[in-house]
Amino acid sequence: MKKYKRQYRQLSDETINKISNSTKNKPKSEIHKRRIQQSMLDYWRTVKDRPEDLSMDDFINGKNDDR
């Protein structure tokens, strides 16, 4: 499995807003939208959910058992 920067699906609100603001008002063709959709579906199939007992602070500080 490939290693990506993101290890879990959940993002902070700050990150979500940054991503949202960076992609607003950029036109895309229909075929480009479909390709983005398919690639994101493929990508999200490989990313697991964060364990419930692991907080974002613990993850940032390296207190997860996956490493």
Foldseek 3Di string as FASTA:
>chain_A
DDDDPDQADDDDPVVVVVVVVVPPPDDDDPVRVVVVVVVVVVVVVPHYHDDPVADPVCVVVPVDPPD
